[in-house]
Amino acid sequence: MIPREKPAVWRRWLGIALRTVHLVGVTMMGAALSGAPTNYHAGALLTLGSGVALLFSELADRRVQLGELAGVVVLLKLAVVTWIAFDERHALPLFWSLLIVSAVVSHAPRGLRHWRALR
């Protein structure tokens, strides 16, 4: 792995803001899928948009690389959120699958998150 410098303070705050928006979108999606009167599509699009922004931010800060397990999982999650946004029939099981995969991968040991299939 390439050593990295700490990002500027404003970049850290940008990441915090993006994660906050991302959690709002995920919560809106989950609430709507559970029957709450909230906008399902707005939640999905907010999750997708903030997820893409987070990916670019983390790529720029070298916190994630697309060739590592964590990077591949992020791309898959973005694809599944896109699917969820346009296919409500499968949204609930996909939503829960995403939530579980996200929790496992984000809390997995560093060696697994940064594992590269192709060295």
C-alpha atoms as a PDB file:
ATOM      1  CA  MET A   1       0.000   0.000   0.000  1.00  0.00           C
ATOM      2  CA  ILE A   2       1.205   3.509  -0.837  1.00  0.00           C
ATOM      3  CA  PRO A   3       1.845   5.673   2.243  1.00  0.00           C
ATOM      4  CA  ARG A   4      -0.460   8.649   2.352  1.00  0.00           C
ATOM      5  CA  GLU A   5      -0.407  12.051   3.933  1.00  0.00           C
ATOM      6  CA  LYS A   6      -3.255  13.221   6.097  1.00  0.00           C
ATOM      7  CA  PRO A   7      -5.785  15.185   4.066  1.00  0.00           C
ATOM      8  CA  ALA A   8      -6.346  18.877   4.756  1.00  0.00           C
ATOM      9  CA  VAL A   9      -8.775  19.711   7.555  1.00  0.00           C
ATOM     10  CA  TRP A  10     -11.393  21.012   5.103  1.00  0.00           C
ATOM     11  CA  ARG A  11     -11.281  17.676   3.256  1.00  0.00           C
ATOM     12  CA  ARG A  12     -11.937  15.828   6.493  1.00  0.00           C
ATOM     13  CA  TRP A  13     -14.958  18.052   7.129  1.00  0.00           C
ATOM     14  CA  LEU A  14     -16.119  17.484   3.565  1.00  0.00           C
ATOM     15  CA  GLY A  15     -15.981  13.721   4.194  1.00  0.00           C
ATOM     16  CA  ILE A  16     -17.971  14.151   7.417  1.00  0.00           C
ATOM     17  CA  ALA A  17     -20.595  16.232   5.601  1.00  0.00           C
ATOM     18  CA  LEU A  18     -20.842  13.712   2.752  1.00  0.00           C
ATOM     19  CA  ARG A  19     -21.187  10.795   5.189  1.00  0.00           C
ATOM     20  CA  THR A  20     -23.921  12.683   7.043  1.00  0.00           C
ATOM     21  CA  VAL A  21     -25.856  13.292   3.819  1.00  0.00           C
ATOM     22  CA  HIS A  22     -25.288   9.637   2.897  1.00  0.00           C
ATOM     23  CA  LEU A  23     -26.764   8.454   6.208  1.00  0.00           C
ATOM     24  CA  VAL A  24     -29.779  10.725   5.711  1.00  0.00           C
ATOM     25  CA  GLY A  25     -30.373   9.152   2.292  1.00  0.00           C
ATOM     26  CA  VAL A  26     -29.987   5.600   3.629  1.00  0.00           C
ATOM     27  CA  THR A  27     -32.369   6.406   6.493  1.00  0.00           C
ATOM     28  CA  MET A  28     -34.939   7.886   4.095  1.00  0.00           C
ATOM     29  CA  MET A  29     -34.763   4.784   1.912  1.00  0.00           C
ATOM     30  CA  GLY A  30     -35.078   2.417   4.853  1.00  0.00           C
ATOM     31  CA  ALA A  31     -37.924   4.408   6.386  1.00  0.00           C
ATOM     32  CA  ALA A  32     -39.833   4.501   3.099  1.00  0.00           C
ATOM     33  CA  LEU A  33     -39.306   0.761   2.583  1.00  0.00           C
ATOM     34  CA  SER A  34     -40.663   0.219   6.093  1.00  0.00           C
ATOM     35  CA  GLY A  35     -43.820   2.184   5.267  1.00  0.00           C
ATOM     36  CA  ALA A  36     -42.996   5.651   6.611  1.00  0.00           C
ATOM     37  CA  PRO A  37     -44.374   8.587   4.608  1.00  0.00           C
ATOM     38  CA  THR A  38     -41.065   9.735   3.158  1.00  0.00           C
ATOM     39  CA  ASN A  39     -39.838  10.018  -0.412  1.00  0.00           C
ATOM     40  CA  TYR A  40     -38.279   6.689  -1.391  1.00  0.00           C
ATOM     41  CA  HIS A  41     -36.767   7.895  -4.669  1.00  0.00           C
ATOM     42  CA  ALA A  42     -35.308  11.028  -3.071  1.00  0.00           C
ATOM     43  CA  GLY A  43     -33.630   8.837  -0.438  1.00  0.00           C
ATOM     44  CA  ALA A  44     -32.241   6.492  -3.091  1.00  0.00           C
ATOM     45  CA  LEU A  45     -30.925   9.367  -5.216  1.00  0.00           C
ATOM     46  CA  LEU A  46     -29.441  11.112  -2.168  1.00  0.00           C
ATOM     47  CA  THR A  47     -27.721   7.859  -1.194  1.00  0.00           C
ATOM     48  CA  LEU A  48     -26.430   7.351  -4.733  1.00  0.00           C
ATOM     49  CA  GLY A  49     -25.218  10.934  -5.218  1.00  0.00           C
ATOM     50  CA  SER A  50     -23.486  11.144  -1.856  1.00  0.00           C
ATOM     51  CA  GLY A  51     -22.027   7.660  -2.391  1.00  0.00           C
ATOM     52  CA  VAL A  52     -20.458   8.722  -5.686  1.00  0.00           C
ATOM     53  CA  ALA A  53     -19.133  11.916  -4.074  1.00  0.00           C
ATOM     54  CA  LEU A  54     -17.690   9.887  -1.175  1.00  0.00           C
ATOM     55  CA  LEU A  55     -16.013   7.509  -3.614  1.00  0.00           C
ATOM     56  CA  PHE A  56     -14.290  10.368  -5.462  1.00  0.00           C
ATOM     57  CA  SER A  57     -13.290  12.017  -2.180  1.00  0.00           C
ATOM     58  CA  GLU A  58     -11.794   8.784  -0.836  1.00  0.00           C
ATOM     59  CA  LEU A  59     -10.028   8.050  -4.126  1.00  0.00           C
ATOM     60  CA  ALA A  60      -8.503  11.537  -4.048  1.00  0.00           C
ATOM     61  CA  ASP A  61      -7.332  11.024  -0.455  1.00  0.00           C
ATOM     62  CA  ARG A  62      -6.123   7.495  -1.312  1.00  0.00           C
ATOM     63  CA  ARG A  63      -8.331   6.038   1.439  1.00  0.00           C
ATOM     64  CA  VAL A  64      -9.688   3.477  -1.017  1.00  0.00           C
ATOM     65  CA  GLN A  65      -8.413   1.974  -4.252  1.00  0.00           C
ATOM     66  CA  LEU A  66     -10.641   0.376  -6.851  1.00  0.00           C
ATOM     67  CA  GLY A  67      -8.454  -2.730  -7.085  1.00  0.00           C
ATOM     68  CA  GLU A  68      -8.869  -3.498  -3.390  1.00  0.00           C
ATOM     69  CA  LEU A  69     -11.791  -5.374  -1.863  1.00  0.00           C
ATOM     70  CA  ALA A  70     -13.187  -2.179  -0.284  1.00  0.00           C
ATOM     71  CA  GLY A  71     -13.115  -0.351  -3.634  1.00  0.00           C
ATOM     72  CA  VAL A  72     -14.786  -3.207  -5.472  1.00  0.00           C
ATOM     73  CA  VAL A  73     -17.481  -3.387  -2.796  1.00  0.00           C
ATOM     74  CA  VAL A  74     -18.119   0.369  -3.095  1.00  0.00           C
ATOM     75  CA  LEU A  75     -18.649   0.018  -6.853  1.00  0.00           C
ATOM     76  CA  LEU A  76     -21.005  -2.921  -6.304  1.00  0.00           C
ATOM     77  CA  LYS A  77     -22.934  -0.992  -3.651  1.00  0.00           C
ATOM     78  CA  LEU A  78     -23.378   1.962  -6.010  1.00  0.00           C
ATOM     79  CA  ALA A  79     -24.664  -0.405  -8.696  1.00  0.00           C
ATOM     80  CA  VAL A  80     -27.130  -1.975  -6.263  1.00  0.00           C
ATOM     81  CA  VAL A  81     -28.355   1.438  -5.029  1.00  0.00           C
ATOM     82  CA  THR A  82     -28.984   2.356  -8.667  1.00  0.00           C
ATOM     83  CA  TRP A  83     -30.944  -0.880  -9.052  1.00  0.00           C
ATOM     84  CA  ILE A  84     -32.911  -0.107  -5.867  1.00  0.00           C
ATOM     85  CA  ALA A  85     -33.748   3.383  -7.143  1.00  0.00           C
ATOM     86  CA  PHE A  86     -35.433   1.987 -10.249  1.00  0.00           C
ATOM     87  CA  ASP A  87     -36.843  -1.363  -9.092  1.00  0.00           C
ATOM     88  CA  GLU A  88     -38.988  -1.139  -5.969  1.00  0.00           C
ATOM     89  CA  ARG A  89     -40.051  -4.793  -6.290  1.00  0.00           C
ATOM     90  CA  HIS A  90     -36.623  -5.986  -5.154  1.00  0.00           C
ATOM     91  CA  ALA A  91     -35.702  -2.954  -3.064  1.00  0.00           C
ATOM     92  CA  LEU A  92     -36.332  -4.343   0.414  1.00  0.00           C
ATOM     93  CA  PRO A  93     -34.096  -7.449   0.240  1.00  0.00           C
ATOM     94  CA  LEU A  94     -31.455  -5.471  -1.676  1.00  0.00           C
ATOM     95  CA  PHE A  95     -31.547  -2.705   0.943  1.00  0.00           C
ATOM     96  CA  TRP A  96     -30.977  -5.146   3.817  1.00  0.00           C
ATOM     97  CA  SER A  97     -28.256  -6.955   1.875  1.00  0.00           C
ATOM     98  CA  LEU A  98     -26.476  -3.648   1.287  1.00  0.00           C
ATOM     99  CA  LEU A  99     -26.746  -2.690   4.926  1.00  0.00           C
ATOM    100  CA  ILE A 100     -25.239  -6.010   6.047  1.00  0.00           C
ATOM    101  CA  VAL A 101     -22.437  -6.002   3.448  1.00  0.00           C
ATOM    102  CA  SER A 102     -21.611  -2.370   4.283  1.00  0.00           C
ATOM    103  CA  ALA A 103     -21.362  -3.086   8.002  1.00  0.00           C
ATOM    104  CA  VAL A 104     -19.217  -6.192   7.529  1.00  0.00           C
ATOM    105  CA  VAL A 105     -16.788  -4.708   5.010  1.00  0.00           C
ATOM    106  CA  SER A 106     -16.404  -1.328   6.742  1.00  0.00           C
ATOM    107  CA  HIS A 107     -15.611  -3.027  10.067  1.00  0.00           C
ATOM    108  CA  ALA A 108     -13.508  -5.856   8.658  1.00  0.00           C
ATOM    109  CA  PRO A 109      -9.790  -5.963   9.502  1.00  0.00           C
ATOM    110  CA  ARG A 110      -7.632  -3.597   7.467  1.00  0.00           C
ATOM    111  CA  GLY A 111      -5.848  -6.486   5.733  1.00  0.00           C
ATOM    112  CA  LEU A 112      -9.148  -7.771   4.339  1.00  0.00           C
ATOM    113  CA  ARG A 113     -10.505  -4.343   3.323  1.00  0.00           C
ATOM    114  CA  HIS A 114      -7.294  -3.551   1.437  1.00  0.00           C
ATOM    115  CA  TRP A 115      -6.856  -7.050   0.010  1.00  0.00           C
ATOM    116  CA  ARG A 116      -5.995  -7.039  -3.698  1.00  0.00           C
ATOM    117  CA  ALA A 117      -7.104  -9.997  -5.779  1.00  0.00           C
ATOM    118  CA  LEU A 118      -4.570  -9.095  -8.472  1.00  0.00           C
ATOM    119  CA  ARG A 119      -1.129  -8.216  -7.153  1.00  0.00           C
END
